[in-house]
């Protein structure tokens, strides 16, 4: 996954966007949600899952309709400008495929996290009681409090990751849409020359 992330972030080089600042703001927003949001499972998770699923569907479908990314149906180049347009289209096609792979991988990872956060583990206390009955010498309160704190910490970490990945998915989808618009514009201008 790391080589794919590196490849995609390499495609962002040279643009004017402050990616470090964007990532920093996303980390802060994700931390705030993970720390202060008690209603994340009840209200936001279903909407996040729906949004990610719909966007992943659009992305997955666009991978199979890559006619817009192809250059074989374009007339042969007549000038250096035409050759530059074809090179740009090929670069945008590679960028689109890399970003699509990353988006789908992030979307699936995010959905797994959303499913985990949607689960209710409050019934686990009964199972925990049964285990402790088998070992009466254990300090029940200490173990239960440690386990409860550990699960709360784990849920907070997963909440942070889920929100961060969700925000990164939205940004990656924005960049995918931007790439397709650029491809369509360049193809149109190339054909009209």
N, C-alpha and C. Protein backbone atom coordinates (compact mmCIF):
# COMPACT_ATOMS: atom_id res chain seq x y z
N UNK A 1 0.82 -1.19 0.00
CA UNK A 1 0.00 0.00 0.00
C UNK A 1 0.87 1.26 0.00
N UNK A 2 1.99 1.23 0.71
CA UNK A 2 2.86 2.41 0.77
C UNK A 2 3.41 2.81 -0.59
N UNK A 3 3.84 1.84 -1.44
CA UNK A 3 4.30 2.26 -2.78
C UNK A 3 3.18 2.93 -3.60
N UNK A 4 1.95 2.45 -3.45
CA UNK A 4 0.83 3.05 -4.15
C UNK A 4 0.58 4.48 -3.66
N UNK A 5 0.61 4.67 -2.34
CA UNK A 5 0.43 6.02 -1.78
C UNK A 5 1.54 6.94 -2.28
N UNK A 6 2.77 6.45 -2.29
CA UNK A 6 3.91 7.26 -2.77
C UNK A 6 3.72 7.61 -4.25
N UNK A 7 3.28 6.63 -5.07
CA UNK A 7 3.05 6.90 -6.49
C UNK A 7 1.98 7.97 -6.69
N UNK A 8 0.91 7.88 -5.93
CA UNK A 8 -0.17 8.86 -6.08
C UNK A 8 0.29 10.24 -5.62
N UNK A 9 0.98 10.30 -4.51
CA UNK A 9 1.44 11.61 -4.03
C UNK A 9 2.50 12.21 -4.96
N UNK A 10 3.22 11.34 -5.67
CA UNK A 10 4.15 11.85 -6.68
C UNK A 10 3.41 12.53 -7.82
N UNK A 11 2.18 12.07 -8.11
CA UNK A 11 1.39 12.71 -9.17
C UNK A 11 0.92 14.10 -8.77
N UNK A 12 0.92 14.39 -7.47
CA UNK A 12 0.50 15.71 -7.00
C UNK A 12 1.62 16.74 -7.05
N UNK A 13 2.85 16.27 -7.25
CA UNK A 13 3.99 17.20 -7.26
C UNK A 13 3.84 18.19 -8.40
N UNK A 14 4.19 19.42 -8.12
CA UNK A 14 4.15 20.45 -9.13
C UNK A 14 2.87 21.24 -9.16
N UNK A 15 1.83 20.77 -8.47
CA UNK A 15 0.62 21.58 -8.44
C UNK A 15 0.75 22.62 -7.33
N UNK A 16 -0.18 23.50 -7.27
CA UNK A 16 -0.08 24.64 -6.36
C UNK A 16 -0.68 24.38 -4.98
N UNK A 17 -1.27 23.21 -4.78
CA UNK A 17 -1.95 22.94 -3.52
C UNK A 17 -0.97 22.67 -2.38
N UNK A 18 -1.24 23.20 -1.20
CA UNK A 18 -0.38 22.96 -0.03
C UNK A 18 -0.76 21.62 0.64
N UNK A 19 -0.21 20.52 0.14
CA UNK A 19 -0.62 19.20 0.61
C UNK A 19 -0.25 18.94 2.07
N UNK A 20 0.87 19.46 2.51
CA UNK A 20 1.25 19.26 3.91
C UNK A 20 0.23 19.95 4.82
N UNK A 21 -0.16 21.15 4.47
CA UNK A 21 -1.17 21.87 5.24
C UNK A 21 -2.51 21.12 5.20
N UNK A 22 -2.89 20.65 4.02
CA UNK A 22 -4.14 19.89 3.88
C UNK A 22 -4.13 18.66 4.78
N UNK A 23 -3.05 17.91 4.76
CA UNK A 23 -2.95 16.71 5.59
C UNK A 23 -2.97 17.06 7.08
N UNK A 24 -2.30 18.14 7.45
CA UNK A 24 -2.28 18.59 8.84
C UNK A 24 -3.69 18.95 9.31
N UNK A 25 -4.44 19.69 8.50
CA UNK A 25 -5.81 20.05 8.85
C UNK A 25 -6.68 18.80 8.94
N UNK A 26 -6.47 17.86 8.03
CA UNK A 26 -7.25 16.62 8.08
C UNK A 26 -6.95 15.81 9.35
N UNK A 27 -5.68 15.80 9.75
CA UNK A 27 -5.31 15.09 10.98
C UNK A 27 -5.98 15.77 12.18
N UNK A 28 -5.92 17.10 12.23
CA UNK A 28 -6.57 17.82 13.34
C UNK A 28 -8.07 17.57 13.38
N UNK A 29 -8.71 17.62 12.23
CA UNK A 29 -10.16 17.39 12.17
C UNK A 29 -10.49 15.96 12.59
N UNK A 30 -9.70 15.02 12.14
CA UNK A 30 -9.93 13.61 12.50
C UNK A 30 -9.73 13.38 13.99
N UNK A 31 -8.70 14.01 14.56
CA UNK A 31 -8.47 13.90 16.00
C UNK A 31 -9.63 14.50 16.79
N UNK A 32 -10.10 15.65 16.35
CA UNK A 32 -11.22 16.29 17.05
C UNK A 32 -12.45 15.41 17.02
N UNK A 33 -12.73 14.81 15.88
CA UNK A 33 -13.90 13.93 15.78
C UNK A 33 -13.70 12.70 16.66
N UNK A 34 -12.52 12.11 16.62
CA UNK A 34 -12.26 10.89 17.40
C UNK A 34 -12.34 11.16 18.90
N UNK A 35 -11.91 12.33 19.33
CA UNK A 35 -11.88 12.63 20.76
C UNK A 35 -13.23 13.13 21.27
N UNK A 36 -13.87 14.00 20.51
CA UNK A 36 -15.05 14.69 21.02
C UNK A 36 -16.39 14.17 20.52
N UNK A 37 -16.40 13.31 19.53
CA UNK A 37 -17.68 12.85 18.98
C UNK A 37 -18.14 11.57 19.66
N UNK A 38 -19.23 11.68 20.38
CA UNK A 38 -19.80 10.48 21.01
C UNK A 38 -20.88 9.87 20.13
N UNK A 39 -21.37 10.62 19.13
CA UNK A 39 -22.44 10.15 18.27
C UNK A 39 -21.96 9.64 16.92
N UNK A 40 -20.67 9.46 16.75
CA UNK A 40 -20.15 9.02 15.46
C UNK A 40 -20.82 7.74 14.98
N UNK A 41 -20.95 6.70 15.82
CA UNK A 41 -21.57 5.47 15.32
C UNK A 41 -23.04 5.64 14.93
N UNK A 42 -23.77 6.47 15.65
CA UNK A 42 -25.21 6.57 15.42
C UNK A 42 -25.56 7.45 14.23
N UNK A 43 -24.83 8.52 14.01
CA UNK A 43 -25.25 9.49 13.01
C UNK A 43 -24.33 9.55 11.78
N UNK A 44 -23.06 9.62 11.98
CA UNK A 44 -22.15 9.87 10.86
C UNK A 44 -21.77 8.61 10.09
N UNK A 45 -21.63 7.49 10.77
CA UNK A 45 -21.13 6.30 10.10
C UNK A 45 -22.00 5.83 8.94
N UNK A 46 -23.33 5.79 9.09
CA UNK A 46 -24.13 5.37 7.93
C UNK A 46 -23.97 6.31 6.73
N UNK A 47 -23.92 7.61 7.00
CA UNK A 47 -23.74 8.56 5.90
C UNK A 47 -22.36 8.41 5.27
N UNK A 48 -21.33 8.21 6.09
CA UNK A 48 -19.99 8.01 5.56
C UNK A 48 -19.92 6.75 4.72
N UNK A 49 -20.51 5.66 5.21
CA UNK A 49 -20.49 4.40 4.47
C UNK A 49 -21.21 4.55 3.13
N UNK A 50 -22.34 5.24 3.12
CA UNK A 50 -23.08 5.46 1.88
C UNK A 50 -22.26 6.29 0.90
N UNK A 51 -21.68 7.39 1.39
CA UNK A 51 -20.89 8.26 0.51
C UNK A 51 -19.70 7.52 -0.09
N UNK A 52 -18.98 6.80 0.73
CA UNK A 52 -17.81 6.06 0.24
C UNK A 52 -18.24 5.00 -0.76
N UNK A 53 -19.32 4.30 -0.48
CA UNK A 53 -19.79 3.25 -1.39
C UNK A 53 -20.19 3.82 -2.74
N UNK A 54 -20.91 4.92 -2.73
CA UNK A 54 -21.33 5.54 -4.00
C UNK A 54 -20.12 6.02 -4.80
N UNK A 55 -19.20 6.72 -4.13
CA UNK A 55 -18.02 7.21 -4.83
C UNK A 55 -17.15 6.07 -5.33
N UNK A 56 -17.04 5.00 -4.56
CA UNK A 56 -16.27 3.83 -5.00
C UNK A 56 -16.93 3.19 -6.22
N UNK A 57 -18.25 3.16 -6.23
CA UNK A 57 -18.97 2.63 -7.39
C UNK A 57 -18.69 3.45 -8.64
N UNK A 58 -18.73 4.77 -8.52
CA UNK A 58 -18.41 5.63 -9.66
C UNK A 58 -16.98 5.38 -10.13
N UNK A 59 -16.06 5.29 -9.20
CA UNK A 59 -14.65 5.09 -9.56
C UNK A 59 -14.45 3.74 -10.22
N UNK A 60 -15.05 2.70 -9.66
CA UNK A 60 -14.90 1.35 -10.20
C UNK A 60 -15.48 1.30 -11.61
N UNK A 61 -16.63 1.91 -11.82
CA UNK A 61 -17.26 1.93 -13.14
C UNK A 61 -16.40 2.69 -14.13
N UNK A 62 -15.81 3.80 -13.70
CA UNK A 62 -15.00 4.60 -14.62
C UNK A 62 -13.73 3.87 -15.06
N UNK A 63 -13.25 2.95 -14.24
CA UNK A 63 -12.09 2.17 -14.64
C UNK A 63 -12.40 1.27 -15.84
N UNK A 64 -13.65 0.82 -15.92
CA UNK A 64 -14.03 -0.06 -17.02
C UNK A 64 -14.48 0.71 -18.25
N UNK A 65 -14.76 1.96 -18.11
CA UNK A 65 -15.12 2.77 -19.27
C UNK A 65 -13.99 3.74 -19.56
N UNK A 66 -12.82 3.18 -19.77
CA UNK A 66 -11.62 4.01 -19.93
C UNK A 66 -11.47 4.52 -21.36
N UNK A 67 -12.56 4.51 -22.12
CA UNK A 67 -12.50 5.03 -23.49
C UNK A 67 -12.03 6.49 -23.48
N UNK A 68 -12.49 7.24 -22.50
CA UNK A 68 -12.11 8.66 -22.43
C UNK A 68 -10.61 8.83 -22.18
N UNK A 69 -9.97 7.80 -21.61
CA UNK A 69 -8.54 7.89 -21.32
C UNK A 69 -7.68 7.40 -22.48
N UNK A 70 -8.29 6.72 -23.44
CA UNK A 70 -7.53 6.14 -24.55
C UNK A 70 -7.14 7.21 -25.55
N UNK A 71 -6.04 6.95 -26.26
CA UNK A 71 -5.61 7.88 -27.30
C UNK A 71 -5.63 7.23 -28.68
N UNK A 72 -5.95 5.93 -28.76
CA UNK A 72 -5.89 5.22 -30.04
C UNK A 72 -6.92 5.73 -31.05
N UNK A 73 -8.01 6.30 -30.58
CA UNK A 73 -9.06 6.76 -31.49
C UNK A 73 -8.87 8.21 -31.92
N UNK A 74 -7.80 8.83 -31.47
CA UNK A 74 -7.53 10.22 -31.86
C UNK A 74 -6.77 10.25 -33.19
N UNK A 75 -6.97 11.30 -33.97
CA UNK A 75 -6.21 11.40 -35.22
C UNK A 75 -4.71 11.54 -34.94
N UNK A 76 -3.88 11.17 -35.91
CA UNK A 76 -2.44 11.29 -35.68
C UNK A 76 -2.03 12.75 -35.43
N UNK A 77 -0.97 12.94 -34.65
CA UNK A 77 -0.55 14.31 -34.34
C UNK A 77 -0.01 15.03 -35.58
N UNK A 78 -0.35 16.32 -35.68
CA UNK A 78 0.11 17.13 -36.80
C UNK A 78 1.21 18.11 -36.41
N UNK A 79 1.38 18.30 -35.13
CA UNK A 79 2.36 19.31 -34.68
C UNK A 79 2.95 18.86 -33.34
N UNK A 80 3.92 19.64 -32.89
CA UNK A 80 4.53 19.35 -31.59
C UNK A 80 3.50 19.55 -30.47
N UNK A 81 2.61 20.48 -30.65
CA UNK A 81 1.54 20.71 -29.68
C UNK A 81 0.64 19.48 -29.56
N UNK A 82 0.34 18.86 -30.69
CA UNK A 82 -0.47 17.63 -30.67
C UNK A 82 0.27 16.50 -29.94
N UNK A 83 1.56 16.37 -30.20
CA UNK A 83 2.35 15.33 -29.53
C UNK A 83 2.40 15.57 -28.02
N UNK A 84 2.50 16.84 -27.61
CA UNK A 84 2.46 17.18 -26.18
C UNK A 84 1.11 16.82 -25.58
N UNK A 85 0.05 17.09 -26.34
CA UNK A 85 -1.29 16.72 -25.85
C UNK A 85 -1.40 15.22 -25.64
N UNK A 86 -0.87 14.42 -26.57
CA UNK A 86 -0.92 12.96 -26.43
C UNK A 86 -0.11 12.49 -25.23
N UNK A 87 1.07 13.11 -25.03
CA UNK A 87 1.88 12.75 -23.85
C UNK A 87 1.14 13.12 -22.56
N UNK A 88 0.51 14.28 -22.56
CA UNK A 88 -0.26 14.71 -21.38
C UNK A 88 -1.42 13.75 -21.12
N UNK A 89 -2.11 13.34 -22.18
CA UNK A 89 -3.22 12.38 -22.01
C UNK A 89 -2.73 11.05 -21.43
N UNK A 90 -1.58 10.59 -21.89
CA UNK A 90 -1.03 9.34 -21.36
C UNK A 90 -0.65 9.49 -19.89
N UNK A 91 -0.07 10.63 -19.53
CA UNK A 91 0.28 10.89 -18.13
C UNK A 91 -0.98 10.95 -17.27
N UNK A 92 -2.00 11.65 -17.75
CA UNK A 92 -3.25 11.73 -17.00
C UNK A 92 -3.90 10.36 -16.85
N UNK A 93 -3.77 9.53 -17.86
CA UNK A 93 -4.32 8.17 -17.78
C UNK A 93 -3.62 7.35 -16.70
N UNK A 94 -2.30 7.45 -16.65
CA UNK A 94 -1.54 6.75 -15.60
C UNK A 94 -1.93 7.29 -14.23
N UNK A 95 -2.02 8.61 -14.11
CA UNK A 95 -2.42 9.22 -12.84
C UNK A 95 -3.81 8.76 -12.42
N UNK A 96 -4.73 8.72 -13.36
CA UNK A 96 -6.09 8.31 -13.05
C UNK A 96 -6.12 6.87 -12.53
N UNK A 97 -5.39 6.00 -13.18
CA UNK A 97 -5.39 4.59 -12.74
C UNK A 97 -4.76 4.45 -11.35
N UNK A 98 -3.67 5.16 -11.10
CA UNK A 98 -3.03 5.09 -9.77
C UNK A 98 -3.96 5.63 -8.70
N UNK A 99 -4.56 6.77 -8.97
CA UNK A 99 -5.46 7.38 -7.99
C UNK A 99 -6.70 6.51 -7.77
N UNK A 100 -7.18 5.88 -8.83
CA UNK A 100 -8.34 4.99 -8.69
C UNK A 100 -8.01 3.79 -7.81
N UNK A 101 -6.84 3.20 -8.04
CA UNK A 101 -6.43 2.06 -7.20
C UNK A 101 -6.34 2.48 -5.74
N UNK A 102 -5.72 3.63 -5.50
CA UNK A 102 -5.61 4.11 -4.12
C UNK A 102 -6.99 4.39 -3.54
N UNK A 103 -7.84 5.04 -4.31
CA UNK A 103 -9.18 5.37 -3.81
C UNK A 103 -9.94 4.11 -3.42
N UNK A 104 -9.93 3.11 -4.28
CA UNK A 104 -10.68 1.88 -3.99
C UNK A 104 -10.10 1.18 -2.77
N UNK A 105 -8.78 1.14 -2.66
CA UNK A 105 -8.14 0.53 -1.49
C UNK A 105 -8.51 1.29 -0.21
N UNK A 106 -8.46 2.62 -0.26
CA UNK A 106 -8.84 3.41 0.91
C UNK A 106 -10.32 3.24 1.24
N UNK A 107 -11.17 3.19 0.21
CA UNK A 107 -12.60 3.05 0.44
C UNK A 107 -12.93 1.72 1.12
N UNK A 108 -12.31 0.65 0.67
CA UNK A 108 -12.55 -0.66 1.29
C UNK A 108 -12.03 -0.66 2.73
N UNK A 109 -10.85 -0.10 2.95
CA UNK A 109 -10.30 -0.01 4.31
C UNK A 109 -11.21 0.81 5.21
N UNK A 110 -11.72 1.91 4.68
CA UNK A 110 -12.61 2.77 5.46
C UNK A 110 -13.91 2.04 5.80
N UNK A 111 -14.45 1.31 4.84
CA UNK A 111 -15.69 0.57 5.11
C UNK A 111 -15.49 -0.50 6.18
N UNK A 112 -14.32 -1.15 6.18
CA UNK A 112 -14.02 -2.14 7.23
C UNK A 112 -13.98 -1.45 8.58
N UNK A 113 -13.35 -0.28 8.67
CA UNK A 113 -13.31 0.48 9.92
C UNK A 113 -14.70 0.93 10.34
N UNK A 114 -15.51 1.36 9.39
CA UNK A 114 -16.88 1.78 9.70
C UNK A 114 -17.69 0.61 10.25
N UNK A 115 -17.52 -0.56 9.64
CA UNK A 115 -18.23 -1.74 10.14
C UNK A 115 -17.79 -2.05 11.57
N UNK A 116 -16.49 -1.99 11.83
CA UNK A 116 -16.02 -2.24 13.20
C UNK A 116 -16.63 -1.25 14.18
N UNK A 117 -16.64 0.04 13.82
CA UNK A 117 -17.18 1.04 14.73
C UNK A 117 -18.69 0.89 14.91
N UNK A 118 -19.35 0.27 13.96
CA UNK A 118 -20.80 0.08 14.05
C UNK A 118 -21.17 -1.07 14.98
N UNK A 119 -20.21 -1.94 15.27
CA UNK A 119 -20.49 -3.09 16.14
C UNK A 119 -20.63 -2.65 17.58
N UNK A 120 -21.52 -3.32 18.29
CA UNK A 120 -21.75 -3.02 19.70
C UNK A 120 -21.13 -4.13 20.54
N UNK A 121 -20.12 -3.81 21.29
CA UNK A 121 -19.43 -4.80 22.11
C UNK A 121 -19.90 -4.78 23.57
N UNK A 122 -21.00 -4.12 23.84
CA UNK A 122 -21.46 -4.03 25.23
C UNK A 122 -21.89 -5.38 25.77
N UNK A 123 -22.26 -6.32 24.91
CA UNK A 123 -22.64 -7.66 25.35
C UNK A 123 -21.45 -8.51 25.75
N UNK A 124 -20.25 -8.04 25.48
CA UNK A 124 -19.05 -8.82 25.81
C UNK A 124 -18.84 -8.93 27.32
N UNK A 125 -19.47 -8.07 28.10
CA UNK A 125 -19.28 -8.11 29.56
C UNK A 125 -19.77 -9.44 30.13
N UNK A 126 -20.86 -9.98 29.59
CA UNK A 126 -21.35 -11.27 30.06
C UNK A 126 -20.36 -12.39 29.80
N UNK A 127 -19.73 -12.39 28.64
CA UNK A 127 -18.71 -13.39 28.32
C UNK A 127 -17.51 -13.21 29.22
N UNK A 128 -17.16 -11.98 29.51
CA UNK A 128 -16.04 -11.69 30.37
C UNK A 128 -16.32 -12.21 31.78
N UNK A 129 -17.57 -12.05 32.25
CA UNK A 129 -17.95 -12.56 33.57
C UNK A 129 -17.77 -14.07 33.64
N UNK A 130 -18.14 -14.78 32.58
CA UNK A 130 -18.01 -16.23 32.56
C UNK A 130 -16.55 -16.65 32.67
N UNK A 131 -15.64 -15.96 31.94
CA UNK A 131 -14.21 -16.27 32.01
C UNK A 131 -13.69 -16.05 33.42
N UNK A 132 -14.11 -14.97 34.06
CA UNK A 132 -13.63 -14.67 35.40
C UNK A 132 -14.16 -15.67 36.43
N UNK A 133 -15.33 -16.25 36.21
CA UNK A 133 -15.83 -17.29 37.11
C UNK A 133 -14.93 -18.52 37.08
N UNK A 134 -14.30 -18.75 35.95
CA UNK A 134 -13.40 -19.88 35.82
C UNK A 134 -12.08 -19.65 36.57
N UNK A 135 -11.76 -18.39 36.80
CA UNK A 135 -10.53 -18.01 37.48
C UNK A 135 -10.85 -17.05 38.61
N UNK A 136 -11.36 -17.52 39.72
CA UNK A 136 -11.83 -16.64 40.79
C UNK A 136 -10.72 -15.82 41.46
N UNK A 137 -9.48 -16.21 41.30
CA UNK A 137 -8.41 -15.46 41.97
C UNK A 137 -8.05 -14.17 41.22
N UNK A 138 -8.56 -13.98 40.02
CA UNK A 138 -8.24 -12.77 39.26
C UNK A 138 -8.96 -11.56 39.83
N UNK A 139 -8.33 -10.40 39.73
CA UNK A 139 -8.93 -9.15 40.19
C UNK A 139 -9.88 -8.66 39.10
N UNK A 140 -11.15 -8.93 39.28
CA UNK A 140 -12.18 -8.64 38.29
C UNK A 140 -12.23 -7.17 37.91
N UNK A 141 -12.31 -6.28 38.87
CA UNK A 141 -12.46 -4.86 38.58
C UNK A 141 -11.27 -4.29 37.81
N UNK A 142 -10.07 -4.67 38.23
CA UNK A 142 -8.88 -4.16 37.56
C UNK A 142 -8.83 -4.64 36.11
N UNK A 143 -9.09 -5.91 35.89
CA UNK A 143 -9.04 -6.45 34.53
C UNK A 143 -10.13 -5.83 33.68
N UNK A 144 -11.33 -5.72 34.21
CA UNK A 144 -12.45 -5.16 33.44
C UNK A 144 -12.21 -3.70 33.09
N UNK A 145 -11.70 -2.92 34.06
CA UNK A 145 -11.41 -1.51 33.79
C UNK A 145 -10.31 -1.37 32.74
N UNK A 146 -9.28 -2.21 32.82
CA UNK A 146 -8.21 -2.18 31.82
C UNK A 146 -8.73 -2.54 30.45
N UNK A 147 -9.56 -3.57 30.40
CA UNK A 147 -10.14 -4.00 29.13
C UNK A 147 -11.05 -2.91 28.56
N UNK A 148 -11.86 -2.32 29.40
CA UNK A 148 -12.76 -1.25 28.95
C UNK A 148 -11.97 -0.06 28.43
N UNK A 149 -10.92 0.34 29.14
CA UNK A 149 -10.07 1.45 28.69
C UNK A 149 -9.40 1.10 27.37
N UNK A 150 -8.90 -0.13 27.27
CA UNK A 150 -8.24 -0.56 26.04
C UNK A 150 -9.18 -0.53 24.84
N UNK A 151 -10.40 -1.01 25.04
CA UNK A 151 -11.38 -0.99 23.95
C UNK A 151 -11.78 0.44 23.58
N UNK A 152 -11.91 1.30 24.58
CA UNK A 152 -12.23 2.70 24.31
C UNK A 152 -11.10 3.38 23.54
N UNK A 153 -9.87 3.11 23.93
CA UNK A 153 -8.72 3.66 23.22
C UNK A 153 -8.66 3.13 21.79
N UNK A 154 -8.90 1.84 21.61
CA UNK A 154 -8.90 1.25 20.28
C UNK A 154 -9.98 1.87 19.40
N UNK A 155 -11.17 2.05 19.95
CA UNK A 155 -12.27 2.67 19.19
C UNK A 155 -11.93 4.11 18.82
N UNK A 156 -11.26 4.83 19.71
CA UNK A 156 -10.87 6.21 19.41
C UNK A 156 -9.84 6.24 18.28
N UNK A 157 -8.89 5.34 18.33
CA UNK A 157 -7.87 5.27 17.28
C UNK A 157 -8.51 4.91 15.95
N UNK A 158 -9.40 3.92 15.96
CA UNK A 158 -10.07 3.52 14.73
C UNK A 158 -10.97 4.65 14.22
N UNK A 159 -11.62 5.38 15.13
CA UNK A 159 -12.44 6.54 14.72
C UNK A 159 -11.57 7.56 14.01
N UNK A 160 -10.40 7.85 14.58
CA UNK A 160 -9.47 8.79 13.95
C UNK A 160 -9.10 8.32 12.54
N UNK A 161 -8.72 7.05 12.42
CA UNK A 161 -8.30 6.50 11.13
C UNK A 161 -9.45 6.54 10.13
N UNK A 162 -10.65 6.16 10.57
CA UNK A 162 -11.82 6.14 9.68
C UNK A 162 -12.13 7.54 9.16
N UNK A 163 -12.12 8.53 10.03
CA UNK A 163 -12.42 9.90 9.60
C UNK A 163 -11.32 10.42 8.68
N UNK A 164 -10.06 10.16 9.03
CA UNK A 164 -8.96 10.61 8.18
C UNK A 164 -9.04 9.98 6.79
N UNK A 165 -9.27 8.67 6.74
CA UNK A 165 -9.37 7.99 5.44
C UNK A 165 -10.57 8.51 4.67
N UNK A 166 -11.67 8.77 5.36
CA UNK A 166 -12.85 9.32 4.69
C UNK A 166 -12.52 10.66 4.02
N UNK A 167 -11.85 11.54 4.76
CA UNK A 167 -11.48 12.84 4.20
C UNK A 167 -10.50 12.68 3.04
N UNK A 168 -9.57 11.76 3.18
CA UNK A 168 -8.61 11.51 2.09
C UNK A 168 -9.30 10.92 0.87
N UNK A 169 -10.31 10.08 1.10
CA UNK A 169 -11.10 9.54 -0.02
C UNK A 169 -11.82 10.66 -0.77
N UNK A 170 -12.40 11.58 -0.02
CA UNK A 170 -13.08 12.71 -0.66
C UNK A 170 -12.11 13.52 -1.51
N UNK A 171 -10.92 13.77 -0.96
CA UNK A 171 -9.92 14.53 -1.71
C UNK A 171 -9.46 13.75 -2.95
N UNK A 172 -9.21 12.47 -2.79
CA UNK A 172 -8.76 11.65 -3.92
C UNK A 172 -9.83 11.60 -5.00
N UNK A 173 -11.10 11.50 -4.60
CA UNK A 173 -12.17 11.51 -5.59
C UNK A 173 -12.22 12.85 -6.31
N UNK A 174 -12.02 13.94 -5.58
CA UNK A 174 -11.96 15.26 -6.21
C UNK A 174 -10.86 15.29 -7.26
N UNK A 175 -9.69 14.74 -6.93
CA UNK A 175 -8.58 14.73 -7.89
C UNK A 175 -8.88 13.81 -9.08
N UNK A 176 -9.61 12.71 -8.84
CA UNK A 176 -10.02 11.84 -9.95
C UNK A 176 -10.95 12.60 -10.90
N UNK A 177 -11.91 13.30 -10.33
CA UNK A 177 -12.85 14.06 -11.16
C UNK A 177 -12.10 15.15 -11.93
N UNK A 178 -11.17 15.80 -11.27
CA UNK A 178 -10.37 16.83 -11.92
C UNK A 178 -9.57 16.24 -13.09
N UNK A 179 -9.04 15.05 -12.91
CA UNK A 179 -8.28 14.38 -13.97
C UNK A 179 -9.16 14.08 -15.17
N UNK A 180 -10.35 13.55 -14.92
CA UNK A 180 -11.26 13.23 -16.02
C UNK A 180 -11.67 14.49 -16.77
N UNK A 181 -11.95 15.56 -16.05
CA UNK A 181 -12.32 16.81 -16.72
C UNK A 181 -11.16 17.30 -17.59
N UNK A 182 -9.93 17.19 -17.10
CA UNK A 182 -8.76 17.58 -17.89
C UNK A 182 -8.63 16.73 -19.14
N UNK A 183 -8.84 15.43 -19.00
CA UNK A 183 -8.76 14.51 -20.14
C UNK A 183 -9.80 14.90 -21.19
N UNK A 184 -11.02 15.11 -20.76
CA UNK A 184 -12.09 15.47 -21.70
C UNK A 184 -11.76 16.79 -22.40
N UNK A 185 -11.28 17.78 -21.65
CA UNK A 185 -10.93 19.08 -22.25
C UNK A 185 -9.80 18.94 -23.27
N UNK A 186 -8.76 18.20 -22.93
CA UNK A 186 -7.62 18.04 -23.84
C UNK A 186 -8.05 17.28 -25.09
N UNK A 187 -8.83 16.20 -24.92
CA UNK A 187 -9.32 15.45 -26.08
C UNK A 187 -10.17 16.33 -26.99
N UNK A 188 -11.05 17.11 -26.40
CA UNK A 188 -11.92 17.99 -27.19
C UNK A 188 -11.07 18.98 -27.99
N UNK A 189 -10.11 19.63 -27.31
CA UNK A 189 -9.26 20.61 -27.99
C UNK A 189 -8.42 19.94 -29.07
N UNK A 190 -7.95 18.74 -28.83
CA UNK A 190 -7.12 18.02 -29.80
C UNK A 190 -7.94 17.71 -31.06
N UNK A 191 -9.15 17.26 -30.87
CA UNK A 191 -10.01 16.90 -32.00
C UNK A 191 -10.42 18.14 -32.79
N UNK A 192 -10.64 19.24 -32.09
CA UNK A 192 -11.12 20.46 -32.75
C UNK A 192 -10.02 21.20 -33.50
N UNK A 193 -8.75 20.85 -33.30
CA UNK A 193 -7.65 21.57 -33.97
C UNK A 193 -7.66 21.29 -35.46
